[in-house]
Amino acid sequence: MAQSKNKPRLKALQVDEAKLSRVQKLYGVSTEAEAVERALDEVLTEHERNRVAWRAHERFLKSGSEIKDIYGLFD
């Protein structure tokens, strides 16, 4: 897990216990706080991956390149 430079703050949240339990099992962590931290890290990582992929997609579209179906599967 990536360590944040920010100091953790105490938060009071209403959380679905079943979801939290599933996240704890998924990540194999013992504390609820660690499960929440890991889930937040994953959301941020996925967002960054999507941003990078979208930028690559936009560059491809602007390049004018073309994908050809050389096998004729999508005619």
Protein backbone atom coordinates (compact mmCIF):
# COMPACT_ATOMS: atom_id res chain seq x y z
CA MET A 1 0.00 0.00 0.00
CA ALA A 2 1.30 3.44 -0.91
CA GLN A 3 1.91 5.60 2.12
CA SER A 4 0.24 8.98 2.10
CA LYS A 5 2.15 12.06 3.21
CA ASN A 6 -1.03 13.37 4.83
CA LYS A 7 -1.79 12.73 8.47
CA PRO A 8 -4.82 10.45 8.91
CA ARG A 9 -7.93 12.08 10.32
CA LEU A 10 -10.57 10.43 12.42
CA LYS A 11 -13.81 10.10 10.45
CA ALA A 12 -17.23 8.85 11.45
CA LEU A 13 -18.83 7.11 8.49
CA GLN A 14 -21.87 4.95 7.99
CA VAL A 15 -20.62 1.93 6.08
CA ASP A 16 -22.35 -1.20 4.85
CA GLU A 17 -20.93 -3.86 7.21
CA ALA A 18 -21.28 -6.67 4.66
CA LYS A 19 -19.33 -4.72 2.04
CA LEU A 20 -16.65 -3.78 4.54
CA SER A 21 -16.31 -7.39 5.62
CA ARG A 22 -16.00 -8.52 2.00
CA VAL A 23 -13.29 -5.90 1.36
CA GLN A 24 -11.39 -7.06 4.44
CA LYS A 25 -11.48 -10.65 3.21
CA LEU A 26 -10.61 -9.62 -0.34
CA TYR A 27 -7.46 -7.80 0.79
CA GLY A 28 -6.70 -10.20 3.62
CA VAL A 29 -6.49 -7.44 6.22
CA SER A 30 -7.55 -7.58 9.84
CA THR A 31 -8.69 -4.01 10.44
CA GLU A 32 -11.53 -2.05 8.93
CA ALA A 33 -9.33 1.03 8.61
CA GLU A 34 -6.79 -0.88 6.53
CA ALA A 35 -9.56 -2.26 4.33
CA VAL A 36 -10.86 1.26 3.68
CA GLU A 37 -7.32 2.56 2.97
CA ARG A 38 -6.63 -0.27 0.51
CA ALA A 39 -9.97 0.28 -1.25
CA LEU A 40 -9.30 4.02 -1.56
CA ASP A 41 -5.82 3.32 -2.94
CA GLU A 42 -7.30 0.97 -5.52
CA VAL A 43 -9.92 3.49 -6.62
CA LEU A 44 -7.24 6.16 -7.09
CA THR A 45 -4.97 3.76 -8.99
CA GLU A 46 -7.81 2.66 -11.28
CA HIS A 47 -8.73 6.29 -11.96
CA GLU A 48 -5.14 7.06 -12.97
CA ARG A 49 -5.02 3.97 -15.23
CA ASN A 50 -8.24 5.05 -16.93
CA ARG A 51 -6.92 8.60 -17.39
CA VAL A 52 -3.72 7.35 -19.02
CA ALA A 53 -5.62 4.91 -21.25
CA TRP A 54 -8.04 7.63 -22.35
CA ARG A 55 -5.16 9.97 -23.24
CA ALA A 56 -3.57 7.20 -25.32
CA HIS A 57 -6.92 6.59 -27.03
CA GLU A 58 -7.30 10.28 -27.86
CA ARG A 59 -3.75 10.40 -29.27
CA PHE A 60 -4.52 7.38 -31.44
CA LEU A 61 -7.70 8.97 -32.79
CA LYS A 62 -5.88 12.25 -33.53
CA SER A 63 -3.07 10.40 -35.32
CA GLY A 64 -5.38 9.38 -38.13
CA SER A 65 -4.21 5.77 -37.88
CA GLU A 66 -6.60 3.10 -38.94
CA ILE A 67 -7.18 -0.46 -37.79
CA LYS A 68 -7.84 -2.86 -40.64
CA ASP A 69 -9.64 -6.18 -40.30
CA ILE A 70 -7.24 -8.27 -42.36
CA TYR A 71 -9.10 -11.50 -41.55
CA GLY A 72 -12.55 -10.23 -42.53
CA LEU A 73 -14.09 -11.17 -39.21
CA PHE A 74 -16.03 -7.92 -38.72
CA ASP A 75 -17.52 -7.32 -42.15
